[in-house]
Protein backbone atom coordinates (compact mmCIF):
# COMPACT_ATOMS: atom_id res chain seq x y z
CA MET A 1 -17.29 1.78 8.94
CA LEU A 2 -16.40 4.52 6.39
CA PHE A 3 -15.57 1.82 3.72
CA PHE A 4 -18.69 -0.22 4.35
CA LEU A 5 -21.11 2.71 4.23
CA PHE A 6 -19.47 4.13 0.97
CA TRP A 7 -19.32 0.60 -0.39
CA LEU A 8 -23.36 0.31 0.32
CA LEU A 9 -23.67 3.75 -1.23
CA GLY A 10 -22.01 2.47 -4.34
CA VAL A 11 -24.02 -0.52 -4.60
CA GLY A 12 -27.18 1.72 -4.27
CA LEU A 13 -25.74 3.87 -7.20
CA ILE A 14 -25.30 0.75 -9.29
CA VAL A 15 -28.73 -0.26 -8.83
CA PHE A 16 -30.02 3.09 -9.41
CA GLN A 17 -27.89 3.51 -12.40
CA THR A 18 -28.59 0.19 -14.01
CA ALA A 19 -32.29 -0.05 -13.22
CA LEU A 20 -33.63 3.57 -13.98
CA PHE A 21 -31.22 4.87 -16.55
CA GLN A 22 -32.08 2.11 -18.98
CA PHE A 23 -35.23 4.10 -19.81
CA LEU A 24 -33.67 7.38 -20.75
CA PRO A 25 -33.07 7.95 -24.16
CA GLN A 26 -29.60 7.09 -25.50
CA SER A 27 -29.29 10.39 -27.19
CA ILE A 28 -29.09 12.39 -24.06
CA GLY A 29 -26.59 10.07 -22.54
CA ARG A 30 -26.25 8.52 -18.99
CA PRO A 31 -24.01 9.76 -16.43
CA ASP A 32 -21.60 7.19 -14.87
CA PHE A 33 -22.27 7.66 -10.96
CA ILE A 34 -19.69 4.91 -10.12
CA PHE A 35 -16.91 6.68 -11.73
CA ILE A 36 -17.76 9.87 -9.95
CA LEU A 37 -17.71 7.96 -6.67
CA ILE A 38 -14.53 6.40 -7.66
CA ALA A 39 -12.86 9.70 -8.05
CA PHE A 40 -14.24 11.02 -4.80
CA ALA A 41 -12.74 7.96 -3.01
CA ALA A 42 -9.30 8.95 -4.74
CA TYR A 43 -9.59 12.42 -3.05
CA ARG A 44 -10.79 11.17 0.23
CA PHE A 45 -9.79 7.53 0.90
CA ALA A 46 -6.54 6.03 1.78
CA TRP A 47 -4.69 3.94 -0.80
CA ILE A 48 -5.86 0.41 0.31
CA PRO A 49 -9.67 1.04 1.13
CA GLY A 50 -9.81 3.14 -2.16
CA ILE A 51 -8.53 0.42 -4.14
CA VAL A 52 -10.67 -2.24 -2.62
CA LEU A 53 -13.66 0.14 -3.18
CA ALA A 54 -12.78 0.71 -6.70
CA PHE A 55 -12.09 -2.67 -7.72
CA SER A 56 -15.36 -4.16 -5.83
CA LEU A 57 -17.71 -1.48 -7.19
CA GLY A 58 -16.12 -1.83 -10.75
CA TRP A 59 -16.53 -5.53 -10.60
CA ILE A 60 -20.09 -5.33 -9.45
CA MET A 61 -20.88 -2.89 -11.99
CA ASP A 62 -19.19 -5.15 -14.76
CA VAL A 63 -21.24 -8.15 -13.74
CA VAL A 64 -24.43 -6.28 -13.63
CA GLY A 65 -24.17 -4.23 -16.79
CA GLY A 66 -20.98 -5.10 -18.44
CA ILE A 67 -20.76 -6.13 -22.04
CA HIS A 68 -17.16 -7.24 -22.08
CA LEU A 69 -16.12 -8.64 -18.53
CA GLY A 70 -13.07 -7.20 -17.02
CA PHE A 71 -12.81 -4.00 -18.62
CA TYR A 72 -14.75 -1.83 -16.12
CA PRO A 73 -12.93 -2.80 -12.95
CA LEU A 74 -9.69 -2.13 -14.89
CA MET A 75 -11.09 1.31 -15.80
CA CYS A 76 -11.97 2.12 -12.24
CA LEU A 77 -8.69 0.75 -10.74
CA LEU A 78 -6.67 2.77 -13.31
CA SER A 79 -8.84 5.92 -12.58
CA PHE A 80 -8.58 5.60 -8.77
CA THR A 81 -4.73 5.12 -9.13
CA ALA A 82 -4.23 8.08 -11.57
CA LEU A 83 -6.19 10.38 -9.50
CA LYS A 84 -4.86 9.40 -6.07
CA THR A 85 -1.41 9.82 -7.51
CA LEU A 86 -2.14 13.38 -9.10
CA THR A 87 -3.69 14.57 -5.90
CA THR A 88 -1.57 13.14 -3.27
CA LYS A 89 0.29 16.15 -1.54
CA SER A 90 -0.83 18.70 -4.22
CA PRO A 91 -0.17 22.27 -3.50
CA VAL A 92 -3.24 23.55 -5.32
CA LYS A 93 -6.29 24.03 -3.07
CA GLU A 94 -8.32 20.82 -3.34
CA SER A 95 -11.93 22.44 -4.66
CA THR A 96 -9.94 24.05 -7.40
CA TYR A 97 -9.09 20.79 -9.38
CA GLN A 98 -11.67 18.17 -8.37
CA ILE A 99 -14.35 18.63 -10.78
CA PRO A 100 -12.07 19.44 -13.74
CA LEU A 101 -10.01 16.59 -12.86
CA VAL A 102 -13.04 14.35 -13.03
CA GLY A 103 -13.85 15.48 -16.39
CA LEU A 104 -10.46 15.17 -17.94
CA SER A 105 -9.69 11.83 -16.39
CA TYR A 106 -13.05 10.49 -17.59
CA PHE A 107 -12.33 11.89 -21.12
CA LEU A 108 -8.76 10.20 -21.22
CA VAL A 109 -10.09 6.88 -19.73
CA GLN A 110 -12.72 6.96 -22.52
CA MET A 111 -9.95 7.36 -25.10
CA LEU A 112 -7.77 4.69 -23.41
CA PHE A 113 -10.40 2.16 -23.30
CA TYR A 114 -11.50 2.90 -26.95
CA PHE A 115 -7.89 1.95 -27.93
CA LEU A 116 -7.98 -1.12 -25.74
CA TYR A 117 -11.20 -2.30 -27.32
CA SER A 118 -9.70 -1.53 -30.76
CA LEU A 119 -7.14 -4.19 -30.04
CA ALA A 120 -9.11 -6.63 -28.16
CA LEU A 121 -12.50 -6.48 -30.09
CA PRO A 122 -12.12 -4.66 -33.51
CA GLU A 123 -15.22 -6.21 -35.10
CA GLU A 124 -17.54 -4.90 -32.33
CA LEU A 125 -16.22 -1.51 -32.01
CA PRO A 126 -18.38 1.48 -33.19
CA GLU A 127 -16.66 4.31 -34.82
CA TRP A 128 -15.22 6.97 -32.44
CA VAL A 129 -17.43 10.25 -32.25
CA TRP A 130 -16.00 13.26 -30.64
CA ARG A 131 -19.34 14.84 -30.07
CA GLU A 132 -20.49 11.89 -28.05
CA ALA A 133 -17.36 11.58 -26.06
CA LEU A 134 -17.46 15.25 -25.24
CA GLN A 135 -21.17 15.07 -24.42
CA ARG A 136 -20.58 12.11 -21.83
CA THR A 137 -17.54 13.84 -20.26
CA VAL A 138 -19.81 17.11 -19.70
CA LEU A 139 -22.60 15.05 -18.43
CA VAL A 140 -20.16 13.46 -16.05
CA VAL A 141 -18.77 16.97 -14.98
CA ILE A 142 -22.14 18.22 -14.53
CA SER A 143 -23.44 15.26 -12.44
CA ALA A 144 -20.13 15.21 -10.41
CA ILE A 145 -20.94 18.80 -8.98
CA PRO A 146 -23.96 17.83 -6.95
CA LEU A 147 -22.76 14.27 -6.33
CA PHE A 148 -19.45 15.71 -4.66
CA LEU A 149 -21.62 17.78 -2.48
CA LEU A 150 -23.62 14.64 -1.56
CA PHE A 151 -20.63 12.45 -0.95
CA ASN A 152 -18.75 15.08 0.95
CA SER A 153 -21.87 15.69 3.42
CA PHE A 154 -22.15 11.98 3.83
CA TYR A 155 -18.37 11.67 4.46
CA GLU A 156 -18.44 14.51 7.16
CA ILE A 157 -21.38 13.15 8.76
CA ILE A 158 -19.62 9.68 9.10
CA GLN A 159 -16.47 11.55 10.27
CA LYS A 160 -18.37 13.44 12.99
CA ARG A 161 -19.91 10.34 14.12
CA ARG A 162 -16.64 8.53 14.48
CA SER A 163 -15.00 11.28 16.19
CA ARG A 164 -17.63 11.92 19.09
CA VAL A 165 -16.13 10.71 22.37
CA LYS A 166 -18.43 8.99 24.43
CA PRO A 167 -18.47 10.39 27.97
CA LEU A 168 -16.73 8.11 30.55
CA ARG A 169 -18.97 6.42 33.26
CA ARG A 170 -18.09 6.89 36.73
CA ARG A 171 -17.92 3.68 38.62
CA SER A 172 -20.18 3.52 41.67
CA ARG A 173 -18.52 2.28 44.80
């Protein structure tokens, strides 16, 4: 139930991101809501449901809005795995590292995939611009704050509904 509801939320975010953000000017940037959802899943979901969520949403996003097929699901899987590995059994309080780690991982993933694009498609690659990469990272970090609050509220509501125990009915004799 939890996986399915977050998958539906992810599909809704994909529709929102691909349908409405295309009208925004490129100069202000476009936040990556799916990346933020994948980061949230790395903090809250178990390994198998999280990997399935990351791959399926990455694949849908790649088909709907990707230019070079296959890179976005790989980015989602690598991000989920890295964040899950770093945060599993961490002695640091969770709220301390969540948002900064989202920003750091997004920036590092941008650098890694720029390198992979330079190997796979060097003729189609624009020049690396630090200002744009940092602007996108800051936009993701700023967007992650309200989205994490929203995702966490949604997660807690679902968990409370699951944990409610239905009262037992007495049998009439």
